[in-house]
Structures are given as structure tokens and as C-alpha cells.
N, C-alpha and C. Protein backbone atom coordinates (compact mmCIF):
# COMPACT_ATOMS: atom_id res chain seq x y z
N MET A 1 -23.28 11.77 3.85
CA MET A 1 -22.85 11.69 2.52
C MET A 1 -21.80 10.48 2.18
N SER A 2 -22.07 9.97 0.91
CA SER A 2 -21.32 8.79 0.55
C SER A 2 -20.41 9.36 -0.45
N ARG A 3 -19.34 8.59 -0.53
CA ARG A 3 -17.99 8.87 -1.02
C ARG A 3 -17.69 7.67 -2.17
N GLN A 4 -17.02 7.82 -3.02
CA GLN A 4 -16.87 7.05 -4.26
C GLN A 4 -16.00 5.42 -3.66
N LYS A 5 -16.35 4.68 -4.19
CA LYS A 5 -15.88 3.29 -4.27
C LYS A 5 -14.45 3.32 -4.26
N LEU A 6 -13.39 3.05 -3.17
CA LEU A 6 -12.34 2.82 -3.66
C LEU A 6 -11.74 1.31 -3.89
N LYS A 7 -10.53 1.10 -4.72
CA LYS A 7 -10.02 -0.04 -4.60
C LYS A 7 -8.86 0.00 -3.99
N LEU A 8 -8.59 -1.01 -2.91
CA LEU A 8 -7.51 -1.03 -2.07
C LEU A 8 -6.68 -2.22 -2.19
N LEU A 9 -5.33 -2.06 -2.14
CA LEU A 9 -4.57 -3.27 -1.78
C LEU A 9 -3.90 -3.43 -0.43
N LEU A 10 -4.00 -4.39 0.00
CA LEU A 10 -3.66 -4.69 1.79
C LEU A 10 -2.55 -5.66 1.20
N VAL A 11 -1.50 -5.32 1.92
CA VAL A 11 -0.15 -6.23 1.80
C VAL A 11 0.32 -6.44 3.23
N GLU A 12 -0.46 -7.39 3.64
CA GLU A 12 -0.01 -7.79 5.23
C GLU A 12 -0.18 -9.46 5.48
N ASP A 13 0.90 -9.76 6.03
CA ASP A 13 1.25 -11.55 6.27
C ASP A 13 0.20 -11.82 7.23
N SER A 14 0.00 -11.16 8.43
CA SER A 14 -0.98 -11.55 9.46
C SER A 14 -2.56 -12.04 9.05
N HIS A 15 -2.68 -13.45 8.68
CA HIS A 15 -4.23 -13.61 8.12
C HIS A 15 -5.35 -13.24 8.92
N SER A 16 -5.02 -13.09 10.30
CA SER A 16 -6.11 -12.43 11.37
C SER A 16 -6.45 -11.21 10.88
N LEU A 17 -4.96 -10.33 10.84
CA LEU A 17 -5.40 -8.74 10.39
C LEU A 17 -5.80 -8.62 8.98
N GLN A 18 -5.60 -9.57 8.06
CA GLN A 18 -6.04 -9.54 6.58
C GLN A 18 -7.71 -9.85 6.69
N GLN A 19 -7.94 -10.65 7.74
CA GLN A 19 -9.57 -10.84 7.63
C GLN A 19 -10.34 -9.54 8.30
N LEU A 20 -9.66 -8.86 9.51
CA LEU A 20 -10.31 -7.76 10.10
C LEU A 20 -10.61 -6.96 9.21
N ALA A 21 -9.04 -6.50 8.34
CA ALA A 21 -9.09 -5.35 7.19
C ALA A 21 -10.32 -5.60 6.42
N LYS A 22 -10.10 -6.93 5.80
CA LYS A 22 -11.08 -6.96 4.56
C LYS A 22 -12.61 -6.61 5.14
N ILE A 23 -12.97 -7.14 6.68
CA ILE A 23 -14.40 -6.97 7.05
C ILE A 23 -14.65 -5.16 7.22
N LEU A 24 -13.64 -4.70 7.71
CA LEU A 24 -13.97 -3.16 7.91
C LEU A 24 -13.98 -2.55 6.66
N ILE A 25 -13.20 -2.91 5.62
CA ILE A 25 -13.46 -1.94 4.29
C ILE A 25 -14.54 -2.46 3.61
N GLU A 26 -14.67 -3.65 3.39
CA GLU A 26 -15.89 -3.94 2.80
C GLU A 26 -17.16 -3.45 3.38
N LYS A 27 -17.15 -3.39 4.79
CA LYS A 27 -18.29 -2.60 5.36
C LYS A 27 -18.42 -1.25 4.69
N GLN A 28 -17.36 -0.70 4.65
CA GLN A 28 -17.48 0.69 3.93
C GLN A 28 -17.80 1.04 2.63
N GLY A 29 -17.94 -0.41 2.04
CA GLY A 29 -18.38 -0.55 0.32
C GLY A 29 -17.07 -0.41 -0.59
N ASP A 30 -15.78 -0.71 0.25
CA ASP A 30 -14.95 -0.31 -0.72
C ASP A 30 -14.27 -1.70 -1.37
N GLU A 31 -13.64 -1.93 -2.06
CA GLU A 31 -13.05 -3.25 -2.73
C GLU A 31 -11.48 -3.57 -2.23
N ILE A 32 -11.43 -4.52 -2.00
CA ILE A 32 -10.01 -4.94 -1.48
C ILE A 32 -9.40 -6.22 -1.81
N THR A 33 -8.07 -5.73 -2.35
CA THR A 33 -7.32 -7.11 -2.75
C THR A 33 -6.40 -7.61 -1.59
N VAL A 34 -6.14 -8.50 -1.23
CA VAL A 34 -5.07 -9.01 0.06
C VAL A 34 -3.94 -9.87 -0.46
N VAL A 35 -3.02 -9.20 0.03
CA VAL A 35 -1.85 -10.11 -0.28
C VAL A 35 -0.88 -10.45 0.69
N ASP A 36 -0.14 -11.38 0.73
CA ASP A 36 0.78 -11.58 1.99
C ASP A 36 2.18 -11.19 2.13
N ASN A 37 2.75 -10.34 1.11
CA ASN A 37 4.00 -9.73 1.19
C ASN A 37 4.15 -8.73 -0.04
N GLY A 38 5.39 -7.94 0.06
CA GLY A 38 5.64 -7.01 -1.19
C GLY A 38 5.75 -7.32 -2.50
N LEU A 39 6.42 -8.35 -2.60
CA LEU A 39 6.77 -9.28 -3.70
C LEU A 39 5.26 -9.74 -4.73
N GLU A 40 4.32 -10.04 -3.86
CA GLU A 40 3.00 -10.12 -4.44
C GLU A 40 2.18 -8.87 -4.62
N ALA A 41 2.42 -7.92 -3.96
CA ALA A 41 2.01 -6.56 -4.07
C ALA A 41 2.29 -6.05 -5.48
N LEU A 42 3.79 -6.31 -5.60
CA LEU A 42 4.21 -5.66 -6.99
C LEU A 42 3.53 -6.42 -7.82
N GLN A 43 3.14 -7.67 -7.92
CA GLN A 43 2.62 -8.47 -8.93
C GLN A 43 1.30 -7.90 -9.06
N CYS A 44 0.55 -7.71 -8.23
CA CYS A 44 -1.07 -7.14 -8.58
C CYS A 44 -0.59 -5.86 -8.73
N LEU A 45 0.23 -5.02 -8.65
CA LEU A 45 0.53 -3.69 -9.21
C LEU A 45 0.59 -3.44 -10.73
N SER A 46 1.58 -4.54 -11.04
CA SER A 46 1.63 -4.74 -12.40
C SER A 46 0.53 -5.25 -13.53
N ARG A 47 -0.56 -5.46 -12.85
CA ARG A 47 -1.70 -5.92 -13.43
C ARG A 47 -2.93 -4.88 -13.41
N LYS A 48 -3.14 -4.50 -12.18
CA LYS A 48 -4.32 -3.38 -11.99
C LYS A 48 -3.75 -2.13 -10.97
N GLY A 49 -4.62 -1.11 -11.38
CA GLY A 49 -4.06 -0.11 -10.54
C GLY A 49 -4.96 -0.01 -9.10
N TYR A 50 -4.46 0.50 -8.13
CA TYR A 50 -5.21 0.58 -6.97
C TYR A 50 -5.23 1.99 -6.76
N ASP A 51 -6.41 2.35 -6.09
CA ASP A 51 -6.28 3.95 -5.08
C ASP A 51 -5.43 4.15 -3.87
N LEU A 52 -5.38 3.07 -3.17
CA LEU A 52 -4.82 3.16 -1.97
C LEU A 52 -3.82 1.81 -1.88
N VAL A 53 -2.84 1.89 -1.57
CA VAL A 53 -2.00 0.62 -0.99
C VAL A 53 -1.71 0.42 0.47
N LEU A 54 -2.21 -0.32 1.32
CA LEU A 54 -1.99 -0.36 2.68
C LEU A 54 -0.67 -1.53 3.16
N LEU A 55 0.53 -0.82 3.27
CA LEU A 55 1.34 -1.81 3.24
C LEU A 55 1.93 -1.99 4.58
N ASP A 56 1.94 -3.20 5.17
CA ASP A 56 2.78 -3.66 6.41
C ASP A 56 4.54 -3.27 6.15
N LEU A 57 4.98 -2.90 7.32
CA LEU A 57 6.39 -2.70 7.14
C LEU A 57 7.03 -4.03 7.20
N HIS A 58 6.68 -4.87 8.12
CA HIS A 58 7.57 -5.99 8.56
C HIS A 58 6.66 -7.47 7.92
N MET A 59 7.22 -7.77 6.78
CA MET A 59 6.96 -9.16 6.26
C MET A 59 8.02 -9.97 5.74
N PRO A 60 7.71 -11.24 5.42
CA PRO A 60 8.66 -12.00 5.12
C PRO A 60 8.85 -11.68 3.40
N ILE A 61 9.77 -12.32 2.74
CA ILE A 61 10.14 -12.25 0.89
C ILE A 61 10.71 -10.89 0.81
N MET A 62 9.43 -9.97 0.87
CA MET A 62 9.73 -8.42 0.66
C MET A 62 9.02 -7.65 1.54
N ASP A 63 9.93 -6.88 2.45
CA ASP A 63 9.27 -5.69 3.50
C ASP A 63 8.54 -4.80 2.90
N GLY A 64 8.26 -3.74 3.66
CA GLY A 64 7.37 -2.49 3.01
C GLY A 64 8.11 -1.50 2.82
N LEU A 65 9.28 -1.46 3.38
CA LEU A 65 10.06 -0.04 2.68
C LEU A 65 10.72 -0.46 1.63
N THR A 66 11.21 -1.93 1.28
CA THR A 66 11.92 -2.12 0.35
C THR A 66 10.60 -2.41 -0.81
N THR A 67 9.70 -2.77 -0.58
CA THR A 67 8.77 -2.54 -1.63
C THR A 67 8.10 -1.05 -1.85
N LEU A 68 8.29 -0.34 -1.09
CA LEU A 68 7.81 1.22 -1.21
C LEU A 68 8.95 1.62 -2.10
N ARG A 69 10.19 1.28 -2.08
CA ARG A 69 11.29 1.94 -2.85
C ARG A 69 10.99 1.34 -4.16
N PHE A 70 10.67 -0.03 -4.56
CA PHE A 70 10.38 -0.21 -5.75
C PHE A 70 9.32 0.77 -6.87
N ILE A 71 8.64 0.79 -5.92
CA ILE A 71 7.01 1.35 -6.15
C ILE A 71 7.53 2.66 -6.51
N ARG A 72 8.40 3.87 -5.70
CA ARG A 72 8.56 5.12 -6.10
C ARG A 72 9.83 5.03 -7.34
N ASP A 73 10.79 3.88 -7.60
CA ASP A 73 11.65 3.94 -8.37
C ASP A 73 10.85 3.73 -9.79
N PHE A 74 9.78 2.98 -9.68
CA PHE A 74 9.06 2.93 -11.20
C PHE A 74 8.50 3.98 -11.38
N GLU A 75 7.58 4.78 -10.44
CA GLU A 75 7.10 5.93 -10.81
C GLU A 75 7.97 7.03 -11.21
N ARG A 76 9.10 7.07 -10.73
CA ARG A 76 10.19 8.05 -11.23
C ARG A 76 10.70 7.74 -12.69
N GLY A 77 11.03 6.71 -12.81
CA GLY A 77 11.61 6.06 -14.04
C GLY A 77 12.93 5.71 -13.82
N SER A 78 13.29 5.43 -12.51
CA SER A 78 14.55 5.11 -12.23
C SER A 78 15.01 3.52 -11.65
N ALA A 79 14.00 2.82 -11.65
CA ALA A 79 13.95 1.60 -11.64
C ALA A 79 15.18 0.77 -12.26
N ILE A 80 15.96 -0.25 -11.55
CA ILE A 80 16.57 -1.09 -12.16
C ILE A 80 16.10 -2.61 -12.28
N ARG A 81 16.88 -3.27 -13.22
CA ARG A 81 16.20 -4.54 -13.30
C ARG A 81 17.00 -5.12 -12.19
N VAL A 82 16.13 -6.14 -11.46
CA VAL A 82 16.70 -7.06 -10.48
C VAL A 82 16.05 -8.38 -10.20
N PRO A 83 16.81 -9.36 -10.21
CA PRO A 83 16.22 -10.76 -10.36
C PRO A 83 14.79 -10.80 -9.66
N GLU A 84 14.39 -10.32 -8.60
CA GLU A 84 13.30 -10.41 -7.74
C GLU A 84 12.18 -10.11 -8.69
N LEU A 85 12.23 -9.29 -9.54
CA LEU A 85 11.13 -8.59 -10.48
C LEU A 85 11.06 -9.18 -11.90
N LYS A 86 11.86 -10.19 -12.09
CA LYS A 86 11.88 -10.79 -13.64
C LYS A 86 10.47 -11.16 -14.00
N GLY A 87 10.31 -10.63 -15.03
CA GLY A 87 9.16 -10.82 -15.70
C GLY A 87 7.99 -9.98 -15.37
N LEU A 88 8.19 -9.17 -14.31
CA LEU A 88 7.61 -7.73 -13.69
C LEU A 88 7.80 -6.43 -14.45
N PHE A 89 9.26 -6.39 -14.53
CA PHE A 89 9.83 -5.25 -14.60
C PHE A 89 9.15 -4.27 -15.63
N THR A 90 9.10 -4.77 -16.99
CA THR A 90 8.57 -4.00 -17.96
C THR A 90 6.88 -3.64 -17.84
N LEU A 91 6.29 -4.52 -17.15
CA LEU A 91 4.73 -4.40 -16.87
C LEU A 91 4.82 -3.13 -15.60
N LEU A 92 5.42 -3.60 -14.58
CA LEU A 92 5.64 -2.23 -13.54
C LEU A 92 5.95 -0.76 -14.18
N LYS A 93 6.77 -0.76 -15.02
CA LYS A 93 7.53 0.58 -15.48
C LYS A 93 6.26 0.85 -16.63
N GLU A 94 5.49 0.31 -17.25
CA GLU A 94 4.46 0.76 -17.92
C GLU A 94 3.23 1.44 -17.32
N ARG A 95 3.01 0.44 -15.94
CA ARG A 95 1.74 0.68 -15.20
C ARG A 95 2.15 1.85 -14.21
N LEU A 96 3.29 1.95 -13.76
CA LEU A 96 3.43 3.10 -12.64
C LEU A 96 4.31 4.30 -12.90
N TYR A 97 4.75 4.21 -14.31
CA TYR A 97 5.80 5.58 -14.51
C TYR A 97 4.87 6.77 -14.75
N GLY A 98 5.32 7.63 -14.06
CA GLY A 98 4.66 8.77 -13.92
C GLY A 98 3.46 9.10 -13.15
N VAL A 99 2.84 8.17 -12.44
CA VAL A 99 1.97 8.51 -11.72
C VAL A 99 2.29 8.37 -10.13
N HIS A 100 1.39 8.60 -9.49
CA HIS A 100 1.81 8.51 -7.52
C HIS A 100 0.71 7.64 -7.41
N THR A 101 1.54 6.45 -6.66
CA THR A 101 0.56 5.51 -5.87
C THR A 101 0.26 6.13 -4.32
N PHE A 102 -0.69 6.23 -3.89
CA PHE A 102 -1.00 6.49 -2.47
C PHE A 102 -0.50 5.25 -1.44
N VAL A 103 0.26 5.53 -0.86
CA VAL A 103 0.90 4.16 -0.04
C VAL A 103 0.73 4.58 1.43
N VAL A 104 0.02 3.65 2.26
CA VAL A 104 -0.02 4.03 3.68
C VAL A 104 1.02 2.81 4.30
N ALA A 105 1.81 3.36 5.18
CA ALA A 105 2.48 2.38 6.12
C ALA A 105 1.62 2.04 7.13
N VAL A 106 1.53 0.50 7.36
CA VAL A 106 0.84 0.03 8.47
C VAL A 106 1.75 -0.78 9.27
N THR A 107 1.79 -0.54 10.68
CA THR A 107 2.65 -1.22 11.73
C THR A 107 1.90 -1.30 12.73
N ALA A 108 2.51 -2.08 13.39
CA ALA A 108 2.03 -2.02 15.02
C ALA A 108 2.83 -1.14 15.93
N SER A 109 4.13 -0.85 15.44
CA SER A 109 5.02 0.11 16.11
C SER A 109 4.54 1.46 15.74
N GLY A 110 3.77 1.92 16.15
CA GLY A 110 3.23 3.51 16.11
C GLY A 110 4.12 4.75 16.62
N SER A 111 5.58 4.54 16.98
CA SER A 111 6.14 5.47 17.57
C SER A 111 6.74 6.69 16.74
N ASP A 112 7.06 7.65 17.12
CA ASP A 112 7.20 9.05 16.18
C ASP A 112 8.53 8.81 15.31
N CYS A 113 9.36 7.66 15.73
CA CYS A 113 10.48 7.68 15.02
C CYS A 113 10.29 6.72 13.67
N ASP A 114 9.24 5.85 13.84
CA ASP A 114 8.97 4.98 13.02
C ASP A 114 8.02 5.59 12.02
N ARG A 115 7.34 6.45 12.38
CA ARG A 115 6.31 7.15 11.46
C ARG A 115 7.27 8.36 10.66
N LYS A 116 8.27 8.77 11.39
CA LYS A 116 9.47 9.60 10.74
C LYS A 116 10.00 8.92 9.63
N LEU A 117 10.44 7.57 9.99
CA LEU A 117 11.37 6.88 8.86
C LEU A 117 9.85 6.49 7.66
N CYS A 118 9.05 5.98 8.00
CA CYS A 118 7.87 5.83 6.72
C CYS A 118 7.84 6.96 5.85
N MET A 119 7.62 8.20 6.78
CA MET A 119 7.23 9.53 5.80
C MET A 119 8.40 10.12 4.80
N ASP A 120 9.75 9.79 5.69
CA ASP A 120 10.86 10.37 4.90
C ASP A 120 10.99 9.22 3.89
N ALA A 121 10.66 7.94 3.76
CA ALA A 121 11.00 7.05 2.86
C ALA A 121 9.84 7.35 1.66
N GLY A 122 8.61 7.98 2.02
CA GLY A 122 7.82 8.29 0.53
C GLY A 122 6.46 7.58 0.94
N MET A 123 6.18 7.51 2.25
CA MET A 123 4.85 6.96 2.42
C MET A 123 3.90 8.32 2.55
N ASP A 124 2.63 7.80 2.16
CA ASP A 124 1.62 9.15 2.33
C ASP A 124 1.05 9.31 3.36
N ALA A 125 0.91 8.02 3.96
CA ALA A 125 0.13 7.97 5.43
C ALA A 125 0.77 7.20 6.25
N PHE A 126 0.40 7.15 7.59
CA PHE A 126 0.66 6.12 8.59
C PHE A 126 -0.65 5.46 9.29
N LEU A 127 -0.59 4.40 9.41
CA LEU A 127 -1.88 3.63 10.18
C LEU A 127 -1.25 2.54 11.10
N ALA A 128 -1.76 2.94 12.37
CA ALA A 128 -1.15 2.07 13.35
C ALA A 128 -2.10 0.95 13.50
N LYS A 129 -1.61 -0.24 13.79
CA LYS A 129 -2.49 -1.56 14.35
C LYS A 129 -2.81 -1.31 15.67
N PRO A 130 -3.62 -1.90 16.37
CA PRO A 130 -4.94 -2.18 15.82
C PRO A 130 -5.76 -1.76 14.80
N TYR A 131 -6.17 -1.95 13.60
CA TYR A 131 -7.03 -1.18 12.81
C TYR A 131 -8.31 -1.13 13.65
N ASN A 132 -9.06 -0.07 13.04
CA ASN A 132 -10.88 -0.05 13.51
C ASN A 132 -11.23 0.67 12.17
N VAL A 133 -12.58 0.68 12.16
CA VAL A 133 -13.17 1.60 11.28
C VAL A 133 -12.89 3.12 11.12
N ASN A 134 -12.88 3.84 12.25
CA ASN A 134 -12.28 4.96 12.03
C ASN A 134 -11.23 5.51 11.28
N SER A 135 -10.24 4.64 12.08
CA SER A 135 -8.77 4.54 11.51
C SER A 135 -8.73 4.43 9.82
N PHE A 136 -9.55 3.63 9.26
CA PHE A 136 -9.70 3.14 8.09
C PHE A 136 -10.10 4.36 7.16
N GLU A 137 -11.47 4.79 8.01
CA GLU A 137 -11.97 5.93 7.35
C GLU A 137 -11.13 7.35 7.33
N ASN A 138 -10.29 7.63 8.05
CA ASN A 138 -9.36 8.66 8.19
C ASN A 138 -8.55 8.66 6.90
N VAL A 139 -7.89 7.45 6.93
CA VAL A 139 -6.74 7.11 5.61
C VAL A 139 -7.78 7.56 4.75
N MET A 140 -8.83 6.91 4.22
CA MET A 140 -9.64 7.29 3.04
C MET A 140 -9.83 8.51 2.74
N THR A 141 -10.11 9.16 4.22
CA THR A 141 -10.42 10.73 3.84
C THR A 141 -9.42 11.55 3.58
N ASN A 142 -8.06 11.30 3.67
CA ASN A 142 -6.73 11.84 3.60
C ASN A 142 -6.74 11.46 2.10
N TYR A 143 -6.93 10.38 1.82
CA TYR A 143 -6.67 10.09 0.38
C TYR A 143 -7.56 10.88 -0.33
N LEU A 144 -8.87 11.12 -0.37
CA LEU A 144 -9.82 11.87 -1.17
C LEU A 144 -9.31 13.07 -1.10
N ARG A 145 -8.83 13.87 -0.24
CA ARG A 145 -8.44 14.95 0.13
C ARG A 145 -7.18 15.39 -0.94
N SER A 146 -6.46 14.58 -0.70
CA SER A 146 -5.16 14.67 -1.54
C SER A 146 -5.26 14.72 -3.13
N ARG A 147 -6.30 14.03 -3.54
CA ARG A 147 -6.77 13.95 -4.85
C ARG A 147 -7.49 15.19 -5.37
N ARG A 148 -7.57 15.99 -4.48
CA ARG A 148 -8.67 17.37 -5.01
C ARG A 148 -7.74 18.08 -5.50
């Protein structure tokens, strides 16, 4: 059974893992945009909607949990102006307010403690590295179930 084509944003600083994810996701027929850090992710989210955001936790410039906090604050309408988001604040406010972005924590550390930290922070799902076709398909199936 085929499913709808999804638009994904991968936020990952490892170029080899970016390439692997791109191959696996495009093989499933989905569209993927890849960026290196959380600030670039917020720039993308200010311009375009995505079905899923795959968010690495440990990155330079802006890590995954900080990025998630900004996303959730904009969705709730409680974001405050900060220098890091100059020029993006109004766009993010307009695009994200009142919606729920499905965000998946991506990390090499798959411990129960890390999983709990991510879920408590507001992640919708958790994906341990290394990626494989089945792990991506499970995340996408969970996303589609959440939209029913």
C-alpha cells in the first residue's frame, strides 16, 4: 500500500549521515531538505512547512533541544525576541503559531534517560542512530497515525 509523499527537514551536522538519510528517505519517495544546525532549521521553517522535522540533538551553533524550544514557543505564541532570530521572528510567528510541528529527536545516544529527556522536552518521537530504512519507515508511520 502506498502512502502520501512527505516533506522532511533533516537537521544534522554529520555530512555522511546527511547523505545516508537523504538516500534512505528519497528511496521511500519522500522529499528531504538537509541543514547543518538548528538556526538553519529555523530559517527553513520560516519559509516553508514540513511534515516532519528530524532533529539531531548535538550540533554546533544551535543544538536540537534549543531549536525544539524555539519551535514550541512559536507554536504557543510565547516566543520572545532574541538576537539569534533577528529577521526570522515575525516569519516564524506567522508560520508556526497555532500549529504542531512533528519533531523527531535524532541521536547516537539511545539511552532511556535521553529518550525521556527528549519526550519531556516536547519531541514527538525518538530515532536512534545509525539510521536504516526500517527506522525511518517506523517514524513516518507513527507520524501518519498521529494525523488521523
